[in-house]
Amino acid sequence: MGFFGFLLLGLIAGAIAKLILPGKQSGGWFVTLLLGVVGAILGGWLGGLLFNVSLDSFFSLSTWALAIGGSLIVLLIYGLIVGRRSKA
């Protein structure tokens, strides 16, 4: 998968992760892009490590599942960090 395909995957996976998680998350489209790309990297790494699956094809169901799962993890961690700052 190319660089722009990976960015598009990250943006869409980040947006889907924001829709799945309840509550209001901070950040605009750029934060969503960053969280999605980091989440796709994390999901691809965990998928390769645990399930021997990679992010090779843009239209593969496993690619999307790993990217969205990784984005959910990153978004949860981001919410914990930002949530603590705003309450202090």
PDB file of N, CA and C in Angstrom:
ATOM      1  N   MET A   1       0.844  -1.165   0.000  1.00  0.00           N
ATOM      2  CA  MET A   1       0.000   0.000   0.000  1.00  0.00           C
ATOM      3  C   MET A   1       0.892   1.231   0.000  1.00  0.00           C
ATOM      4  N   GLY A   2       0.536   2.220  -0.778  1.00  0.00           N
ATOM      5  CA  GLY A   2       1.324   3.430  -0.889  1.00  0.00           C
ATOM      6  C   GLY A   2       1.099   4.392   0.271  1.00  0.00           C
ATOM      7  N   PHE A   3       1.889   5.447   0.262  1.00  0.00           N
ATOM      8  CA  PHE A   3       1.852   6.436   1.336  1.00  0.00           C
ATOM      9  C   PHE A   3       0.492   7.114   1.426  1.00  0.00           C
ATOM     10  N   PHE A   4      -0.061   7.562   0.288  1.00  0.00           N
ATOM     11  CA  PHE A   4      -1.344   8.245   0.305  1.00  0.00           C
ATOM     12  C   PHE A   4      -2.492   7.301   0.635  1.00  0.00           C
ATOM     13  N   GLY A   5      -2.377   6.062   0.220  1.00  0.00           N
ATOM     14  CA  GLY A   5      -3.372   5.064   0.595  1.00  0.00           C
ATOM     15  C   GLY A   5      -3.376   4.827   2.090  1.00  0.00           C
ATOM     16  N   PHE A   6      -2.182   4.814   2.677  1.00  0.00           N
ATOM     17  CA  PHE A   6      -2.073   4.624   4.118  1.00  0.00           C
ATOM     18  C   PHE A   6      -2.640   5.832   4.867  1.00  0.00           C
ATOM     19  N   LEU A   7      -2.409   7.051   4.352  1.00  0.00           N
ATOM     20  CA  LEU A   7      -2.994   8.243   4.969  1.00  0.00           C
ATOM     21  C   LEU A   7      -4.518   8.221   4.894  1.00  0.00           C
ATOM     22  N   LEU A   8      -5.049   7.823   3.747  1.00  0.00           N
ATOM     23  CA  LEU A   8      -6.491   7.730   3.595  1.00  0.00           C
ATOM     24  C   LEU A   8      -7.065   6.671   4.531  1.00  0.00           C
ATOM     25  N   LEU A   9      -6.413   5.536   4.623  1.00  0.00           N
ATOM     26  CA  LEU A   9      -6.826   4.473   5.545  1.00  0.00           C
ATOM     27  C   LEU A   9      -6.824   4.991   6.977  1.00  0.00           C
ATOM     28  N   GLY A  10      -5.779   5.714   7.366  1.00  0.00           N
ATOM     29  CA  GLY A  10      -5.695   6.254   8.716  1.00  0.00           C
ATOM     30  C   GLY A  10      -6.771   7.274   9.010  1.00  0.00           C
ATOM     31  N   LEU A  11      -7.060   8.142   8.051  1.00  0.00           N
ATOM     32  CA  LEU A  11      -8.097   9.158   8.236  1.00  0.00           C
ATOM     33  C   LEU A  11      -9.464   8.514   8.413  1.00  0.00           C
ATOM     34  N   ILE A  12      -9.784   7.563   7.569  1.00  0.00           N
ATOM     35  CA  ILE A  12     -11.086   6.897   7.653  1.00  0.00           C
ATOM     36  C   ILE A  12     -11.175   6.038   8.913  1.00  0.00           C
ATOM     37  N   ALA A  13     -10.106   5.319   9.245  1.00  0.00           N
ATOM     38  CA  ALA A  13     -10.111   4.491  10.455  1.00  0.00           C
ATOM     39  C   ALA A  13     -10.239   5.360  11.702  1.00  0.00           C
ATOM     40  N   GLY A  14      -9.577   6.502  11.733  1.00  0.00           N
ATOM     41  CA  GLY A  14      -9.705   7.417  12.866  1.00  0.00           C
ATOM     42  C   GLY A  14     -11.115   7.969  12.992  1.00  0.00           C
ATOM     43  N   ALA A  15     -11.733   8.315  11.873  1.00  0.00           N
ATOM     44  CA  ALA A  15     -13.104   8.822  11.891  1.00  0.00           C
ATOM     45  C   ALA A  15     -14.079   7.751  12.369  1.00  0.00           C
ATOM     46  N   ILE A  16     -13.897   6.518  11.909  1.00  0.00           N
ATOM     47  CA  ILE A  16     -14.766   5.419  12.341  1.00  0.00           C
ATOM     48  C   ILE A  16     -14.575   5.156  13.830  1.00  0.00           C
ATOM     49  N   ALA A  17     -13.327   5.216  14.304  1.00  0.00           N
ATOM     50  CA  ALA A  17     -13.065   5.007  15.729  1.00  0.00           C
ATOM     51  C   ALA A  17     -13.736   6.087  16.568  1.00  0.00           C
ATOM     52  N   LYS A  18     -13.729   7.345  16.082  1.00  0.00           N
ATOM     53  CA  LYS A  18     -14.411   8.423  16.804  1.00  0.00           C
ATOM     54  C   LYS A  18     -15.915   8.204  16.828  1.00  0.00           C
ATOM     55  N   LEU A  19     -16.468   7.638  15.762  1.00  0.00           N
ATOM     56  CA  LEU A  19     -17.899   7.351  15.731  1.00  0.00           C
ATOM     57  C   LEU A  19     -18.265   6.199  16.663  1.00  0.00           C
ATOM     58  N   ILE A  20     -17.382   5.225  16.806  1.00  0.00           N
ATOM     59  CA  ILE A  20     -17.661   4.057  17.637  1.00  0.00           C
ATOM     60  C   ILE A  20     -17.618   4.403  19.117  1.00  0.00           C
ATOM     61  N   LEU A  21     -16.634   5.203  19.523  1.00  0.00           N
ATOM     62  CA  LEU A  21     -16.482   5.534  20.933  1.00  0.00           C
ATOM     63  C   LEU A  21     -17.549   6.524  21.370  1.00  0.00           C
ATOM     64  N   PRO A  22     -18.188   6.267  22.508  1.00  0.00           N
ATOM     65  CA  PRO A  22     -19.200   7.213  22.992  1.00  0.00           C
ATOM     66  C   PRO A  22     -18.547   8.452  23.597  1.00  0.00           C
ATOM     67  N   GLY A  23     -19.315   9.508  23.698  1.00  0.00           N
ATOM     68  CA  GLY A  23     -18.819  10.739  24.300  1.00  0.00           C
ATOM     69  C   GLY A  23     -18.226  11.667  23.272  1.00  0.00           C
ATOM     70  N   LYS A  24     -17.804  12.832  23.758  1.00  0.00           N
ATOM     71  CA  LYS A  24     -17.239  13.841  22.870  1.00  0.00           C
ATOM     72  C   LYS A  24     -15.717  13.797  22.959  1.00  0.00           C
ATOM     73  N   GLN A  25     -15.079  13.599  21.827  1.00  0.00           N
ATOM     74  CA  GLN A  25     -13.623  13.610  21.760  1.00  0.00           C
ATOM     75  C   GLN A  25     -13.175  14.939  21.190  1.00  0.00           C
ATOM     76  N   SER A  26     -12.068  15.420  21.721  1.00  0.00           N
ATOM     77  CA  SER A  26     -11.530  16.679  21.213  1.00  0.00           C
ATOM     78  C   SER A  26     -10.705  16.420  19.964  1.00  0.00           C
ATOM     79  N   GLY A  27     -10.404  17.474  19.261  1.00  0.00           N
ATOM     80  CA  GLY A  27      -9.553  17.359  18.076  1.00  0.00           C
ATOM     81  C   GLY A  27     -10.348  17.454  16.797  1.00  0.00           C
ATOM     82  N   GLY A  28      -9.743  18.041  15.808  1.00  0.00           N
ATOM     83  CA  GLY A  28     -10.368  18.183  14.507  1.00  0.00           C
ATOM     84  C   GLY A  28      -9.916  17.094  13.554  1.00  0.00           C
ATOM     85  N   TRP A  29     -10.001  17.403  12.265  1.00  0.00           N
ATOM     86  CA  TRP A  29      -9.662  16.401  11.251  1.00  0.00           C
ATOM     87  C   TRP A  29      -8.182  16.068  11.264  1.00  0.00           C
ATOM     88  N   PHE A  30      -7.306  17.033  11.605  1.00  0.00           N
ATOM     89  CA  PHE A  30      -5.876  16.748  11.612  1.00  0.00           C
ATOM     90  C   PHE A  30      -5.511  15.794  12.754  1.00  0.00           C
ATOM     91  N   VAL A  31      -6.110  16.007  13.919  1.00  0.00           N
ATOM     92  CA  VAL A  31      -5.885  15.097  15.046  1.00  0.00           C
ATOM     93  C   VAL A  31      -6.448  13.720  14.711  1.00  0.00           C
ATOM     94  N   THR A  32      -7.603  13.692  14.052  1.00  0.00           N
ATOM     95  CA  THR A  32      -8.184  12.422  13.621  1.00  0.00           C
ATOM     96  C   THR A  32      -7.250  11.698  12.658  1.00  0.00           C
ATOM     97  N   LEU A  33      -6.653  12.435  11.723  1.00  0.00           N
ATOM     98  CA  LEU A  33      -5.706  11.847  10.781  1.00  0.00           C
ATOM     99  C   LEU A  33      -4.501  11.276  11.518  1.00  0.00           C
ATOM    100  N   LEU A  34      -3.940  12.056  12.424  1.00  0.00           N
ATOM    101  CA  LEU A  34      -2.767  11.582  13.169  1.00  0.00           C
ATOM    102  C   LEU A  34      -3.088  10.360  14.015  1.00  0.00           C
ATOM    103  N   LEU A  35      -4.206  10.408  14.747  1.00  0.00           N
ATOM    104  CA  LEU A  35      -4.591   9.265  15.569  1.00  0.00           C
ATOM    105  C   LEU A  35      -4.885   8.036  14.709  1.00  0.00           C
ATOM    106  N   GLY A  36      -5.512   8.251  13.570  1.00  0.00           N
ATOM    107  CA  GLY A  36      -5.813   7.136  12.675  1.00  0.00           C
ATOM    108  C   GLY A  36      -4.569   6.510  12.085  1.00  0.00           C
ATOM    109  N   VAL A  37      -3.608   7.324  11.675  1.00  0.00           N
ATOM    110  CA  VAL A  37      -2.365   6.787  11.108  1.00  0.00           C
ATOM    111  C   VAL A  37      -1.568   6.055  12.182  1.00  0.00           C
ATOM    112  N   VAL A  38      -1.469   6.658  13.365  1.00  0.00           N
ATOM    113  CA  VAL A  38      -0.770   5.984  14.466  1.00  0.00           C
ATOM    114  C   VAL A  38      -1.498   4.694  14.835  1.00  0.00           C
ATOM    115  N   GLY A  39      -2.832   4.751  14.845  1.00  0.00           N
ATOM    116  CA  GLY A  39      -3.622   3.561  15.136  1.00  0.00           C
ATOM    117  C   GLY A  39      -3.462   2.477  14.077  1.00  0.00           C
ATOM    118  N   ALA A  40      -3.390   2.871  12.817  1.00  0.00           N
ATOM    119  CA  ALA A  40      -3.178   1.894  11.742  1.00  0.00           C
ATOM    120  C   ALA A  40      -1.802   1.252  11.865  1.00  0.00           C
ATOM    121  N   ILE A  41      -0.808   2.044  12.228  1.00  0.00           N
ATOM    122  CA  ILE A  41       0.533   1.486  12.440  1.00  0.00           C
ATOM    123  C   ILE A  41       0.509   0.512  13.611  1.00  0.00           C
ATOM    124  N   LEU A  42      -0.114   0.927  14.716  1.00  0.00           N
ATOM    125  CA  LEU A  42      -0.212   0.054  15.894  1.00  0.00           C
ATOM    126  C   LEU A  42      -0.989  -1.212  15.568  1.00  0.00           C
ATOM    127  N   GLY A  43      -2.124  -1.062  14.887  1.00  0.00           N
ATOM    128  CA  GLY A  43      -2.923  -2.227  14.515  1.00  0.00           C
ATOM    129  C   GLY A  43      -2.182  -3.164  13.581  1.00  0.00           C
ATOM    130  N   GLY A  44      -1.456  -2.611  12.620  1.00  0.00           N
ATOM    131  CA  GLY A  44      -0.667  -3.450  11.715  1.00  0.00           C
ATOM    132  C   GLY A  44       0.450  -4.170  12.436  1.00  0.00           C
ATOM    133  N   TRP A  45       1.090  -3.479  13.369  1.00  0.00           N
ATOM    134  CA  TRP A  45       2.170  -4.111  14.138  1.00  0.00           C
ATOM    135  C   TRP A  45       1.626  -5.228  15.025  1.00  0.00           C
ATOM    136  N   LEU A  46       0.522  -4.946  15.741  1.00  0.00           N
ATOM    137  CA  LEU A  46      -0.077  -5.976  16.597  1.00  0.00           C
ATOM    138  C   LEU A  46      -0.626  -7.139  15.776  1.00  0.00           C
ATOM    139  N   GLY A  47      -1.227  -6.834  14.615  1.00  0.00           N
ATOM    140  CA  GLY A  47      -1.739  -7.894  13.758  1.00  0.00           C
ATOM    141  C   GLY A  47      -0.636  -8.795  13.231  1.00  0.00           C
ATOM    142  N   GLY A  48       0.493  -8.197  12.870  1.00  0.00           N
ATOM    143  CA  GLY A  48       1.624  -8.991  12.421  1.00  0.00           C
ATOM    144  C   GLY A  48       2.243  -9.802  13.539  1.00  0.00           C
ATOM    145  N   LEU A  49       2.284  -9.221  14.717  1.00  0.00           N
ATOM    146  CA  LEU A  49       2.892  -9.885  15.872  1.00  0.00           C
ATOM    147  C   LEU A  49       2.024 -11.020  16.402  1.00  0.00           C
ATOM    148  N   LEU A  50       0.729 -10.766  16.535  1.00  0.00           N
ATOM    149  CA  LEU A  50      -0.160 -11.749  17.155  1.00  0.00           C
ATOM    150  C   LEU A  50      -0.815 -12.712  16.166  1.00  0.00           C
ATOM    151  N   PHE A  51      -1.195 -12.217  14.986  1.00  0.00           N
ATOM    152  CA  PHE A  51      -1.994 -13.027  14.065  1.00  0.00           C
ATOM    153  C   PHE A  51      -1.317 -13.301  12.729  1.00  0.00           C
ATOM    154  N   ASN A  52      -0.102 -12.802  12.539  1.00  0.00           N
ATOM    155  CA  ASN A  52       0.646 -12.968  11.299  1.00  0.00           C
ATOM    156  C   ASN A  52      -0.126 -12.412  10.099  1.00  0.00           C
ATOM    157  N   VAL A  53      -0.755 -11.241  10.294  1.00  0.00           N
ATOM    158  CA  VAL A  53      -1.521 -10.548   9.257  1.00  0.00           C
ATOM    159  C   VAL A  53      -0.864  -9.195   9.032  1.00  0.00           C
ATOM    160  N   SER A  54      -0.820  -8.735   7.793  1.00  0.00           N
ATOM    161  CA  SER A  54      -0.194  -7.448   7.508  1.00  0.00           C
ATOM    162  C   SER A  54      -1.185  -6.504   6.831  1.00  0.00           C
ATOM    163  N   LEU A  55      -0.787  -5.240   6.708  1.00  0.00           N
ATOM    164  CA  LEU A  55      -1.602  -4.217   6.059  1.00  0.00           C
ATOM    165  C   LEU A  55      -1.168  -4.038   4.606  1.00  0.00           C
ATOM    166  N   ASP A  56      -1.238  -5.088   3.818  1.00  0.00           N
ATOM    167  CA  ASP A  56      -0.764  -5.039   2.444  1.00  0.00           C
ATOM    168  C   ASP A  56      -1.779  -4.449   1.481  1.00  0.00           C
ATOM    169  N   SER A  57      -3.029  -4.830   1.597  1.00  0.00           N
ATOM    170  CA  SER A  57      -4.046  -4.446   0.627  1.00  0.00           C
ATOM    171  C   SER A  57      -5.023  -3.444   1.239  1.00  0.00           C
ATOM    172  N   PHE A  58      -5.328  -2.383   0.504  1.00  0.00           N
ATOM    173  CA  PHE A  58      -6.240  -1.346   0.983  1.00  0.00           C
ATOM    174  C   PHE A  58      -7.658  -1.883   1.130  1.00  0.00           C
ATOM    175  N   PHE A  59      -8.078  -2.789   0.268  1.00  0.00           N
ATOM    176  CA  PHE A  59      -9.452  -3.270   0.260  1.00  0.00           C
ATOM    177  C   PHE A  59      -9.645  -4.580   1.017  1.00  0.00           C
ATOM    178  N   SER A  60      -8.700  -4.948   1.853  1.00  0.00           N
ATOM    179  CA  SER A  60      -8.803  -6.173   2.636  1.00  0.00           C
ATOM    180  C   SER A  60      -9.554  -5.894   3.942  1.00  0.00           C
ATOM    181  N   LEU A  61     -10.449  -6.793   4.310  1.00  0.00           N
ATOM    182  CA  LEU A  61     -11.209  -6.649   5.551  1.00  0.00           C
ATOM    183  C   LEU A  61     -10.295  -6.679   6.771  1.00  0.00           C
ATOM    184  N   SER A  62      -9.265  -7.521   6.736  1.00  0.00           N
ATOM    185  CA  SER A  62      -8.334  -7.592   7.870  1.00  0.00           C
ATOM    186  C   SER A  62      -7.548  -6.294   8.033  1.00  0.00           C
ATOM    187  N   THR A  63      -7.216  -5.635   6.922  1.00  0.00           N
ATOM    188  CA  THR A  63      -6.527  -4.347   6.988  1.00  0.00           C
ATOM    189  C   THR A  63      -7.396  -3.321   7.701  1.00  0.00           C
ATOM    190  N   TRP A  64      -8.654  -3.240   7.336  1.00  0.00           N
ATOM    191  CA  TRP A  64      -9.564  -2.274   7.953  1.00  0.00           C
ATOM    192  C   TRP A  64      -9.817  -2.606   9.417  1.00  0.00           C
ATOM    193  N   ALA A  65      -9.994  -3.887   9.733  1.00  0.00           N
ATOM    194  CA  ALA A  65     -10.237  -4.277  11.123  1.00  0.00           C
ATOM    195  C   ALA A  65      -9.037  -3.931  12.005  1.00  0.00           C
ATOM    196  N   LEU A  66      -7.837  -4.192  11.520  1.00  0.00           N
ATOM    197  CA  LEU A  66      -6.640  -3.868  12.295  1.00  0.00           C
ATOM    198  C   LEU A  66      -6.461  -2.366  12.449  1.00  0.00           C
ATOM    199  N   ALA A  67      -6.701  -1.616  11.386  1.00  0.00           N
ATOM    200  CA  ALA A  67      -6.538  -0.164  11.441  1.00  0.00           C
ATOM    201  C   ALA A  67      -7.565   0.473  12.386  1.00  0.00           C
ATOM    202  N   ILE A  68      -8.800   0.030  12.319  1.00  0.00           N
ATOM    203  CA  ILE A  68      -9.839   0.580  13.195  1.00  0.00           C
ATOM    204  C   ILE A  68      -9.588   0.162  14.638  1.00  0.00           C
ATOM    205  N   GLY A  69      -9.214  -1.086  14.850  1.00  0.00           N
ATOM    206  CA  GLY A  69      -8.892  -1.541  16.209  1.00  0.00           C
ATOM    207  C   GLY A  69      -7.733  -0.772  16.810  1.00  0.00           C
ATOM    208  N   GLY A  70      -6.684  -0.565  16.031  1.00  0.00           N
ATOM    209  CA  GLY A  70      -5.549   0.220  16.504  1.00  0.00           C
ATOM    210  C   GLY A  70      -5.932   1.663  16.771  1.00  0.00           C
ATOM    211  N   SER A  71      -6.790   2.224  15.924  1.00  0.00           N
ATOM    212  CA  SER A  71      -7.250   3.595  16.126  1.00  0.00           C
ATOM    213  C   SER A  71      -8.095   3.726  17.385  1.00  0.00           C
ATOM    214  N   LEU A  72      -8.902   2.716  17.683  1.00  0.00           N
ATOM    215  CA  LEU A  72      -9.678   2.732  18.920  1.00  0.00           C
ATOM    216  C   LEU A  72      -8.760   2.747  20.141  1.00  0.00           C
ATOM    217  N   ILE A  73      -7.719   1.935  20.105  1.00  0.00           N
ATOM    218  CA  ILE A  73      -6.769   1.890  21.217  1.00  0.00           C
ATOM    219  C   ILE A  73      -6.083   3.244  21.385  1.00  0.00           C
ATOM    220  N   VAL A  74      -5.604   3.812  20.288  1.00  0.00           N
ATOM    221  CA  VAL A  74      -4.911   5.105  20.347  1.00  0.00           C
ATOM    222  C   VAL A  74      -5.873   6.204  20.795  1.00  0.00           C
ATOM    223  N   LEU A  75      -7.118   6.173  20.321  1.00  0.00           N
ATOM    224  CA  LEU A  75      -8.085   7.188  20.708  1.00  0.00           C
ATOM    225  C   LEU A  75      -8.438   7.083  22.195  1.00  0.00           C
ATOM    226  N   LEU A  76      -8.535   5.885  22.720  1.00  0.00           N
ATOM    227  CA  LEU A  76      -8.777   5.703  24.156  1.00  0.00           C
ATOM    228  C   LEU A  76      -7.624   6.268  24.981  1.00  0.00           C
ATOM    229  N   ILE A  77      -6.407   5.975  24.578  1.00  0.00           N
ATOM    230  CA  ILE A  77      -5.234   6.495  25.289  1.00  0.00           C
ATOM    231  C   ILE A  77      -5.185   8.012  25.190  1.00  0.00           C
ATOM    232  N   TYR A  78      -5.451   8.544  24.011  1.00  0.00           N
ATOM    233  CA  TYR A  78      -5.473  10.002  23.807  1.00  0.00           C
ATOM    234  C   TYR A  78      -6.535  10.656  24.691  1.00  0.00           C
ATOM    235  N   GLY A  79      -7.715  10.034  24.777  1.00  0.00           N
ATOM    236  CA  GLY A  79      -8.785  10.566  25.614  1.00  0.00           C
ATOM    237  C   GLY A  79      -8.414  10.574  27.085  1.00  0.00           C
ATOM    238  N   LEU A  80      -7.707   9.545  27.538  1.00  0.00           N
ATOM    239  CA  LEU A  80      -7.269   9.511  28.933  1.00  0.00           C
ATOM    240  C   LEU A  80      -6.261  10.608  29.224  1.00  0.00           C
ATOM    241  N   ILE A  81      -5.342  10.836  28.291  1.00  0.00           N
ATOM    242  CA  ILE A  81      -4.306  11.857  28.498  1.00  0.00           C
ATOM    243  C   ILE A  81      -4.913  13.259  28.446  1.00  0.00           C
ATOM    244  N   VAL A  82      -5.716  13.547  27.438  1.00  0.00           N
ATOM    245  CA  VAL A  82      -6.309  14.873  27.286  1.00  0.00           C
ATOM    246  C   VAL A  82      -7.344  15.122  28.367  1.00  0.00           C
ATOM    247  N   GLY A  83      -8.093  14.084  28.761  1.00  0.00           N
ATOM    248  CA  GLY A  83      -9.102  14.230  29.806  1.00  0.00           C
ATOM    249  C   GLY A  83      -8.492  14.608  31.142  1.00  0.00           C
ATOM    250  N   ARG A  84      -7.338  14.070  31.449  1.00  0.00           N
ATOM    251  CA  ARG A  84      -6.666  14.404  32.707  1.00  0.00           C
ATOM    252  C   ARG A  84      -6.169  15.837  32.688  1.00  0.00           C
ATOM    253  N   ARG A  85      -5.693  16.308  31.559  1.00  0.00           N
ATOM    254  CA  ARG A  85      -5.177  17.689  31.467  1.00  0.00           C
ATOM    255  C   ARG A  85      -6.300  18.702  31.660  1.00  0.00           C
ATOM    256  N   SER A  86      -7.456  18.451  31.065  1.00  0.00           N
ATOM    257  CA  SER A  86      -8.531  19.438  31.141  1.00  0.00           C
ATOM    258  C   SER A  86      -9.160  19.506  32.530  1.00  0.00           C
ATOM    259  N   LYS A  87      -9.074  18.448  33.323  1.00  0.00           N
ATOM    260  CA  LYS A  87      -9.641  18.455  34.665  1.00  0.00           C
ATOM    261  C   LYS A  87      -8.710  19.081  35.689  1.00  0.00           C
ATOM    262  N   ALA A  88      -7.427  19.175  35.374  1.00  0.00           N
ATOM    263  CA  ALA A  88      -6.456  19.697  36.345  1.00  0.00           C
ATOM    264  C   ALA A  88      -6.442  21.185  36.440  1.00  0.00           C
TER     265      ALA A  88
END
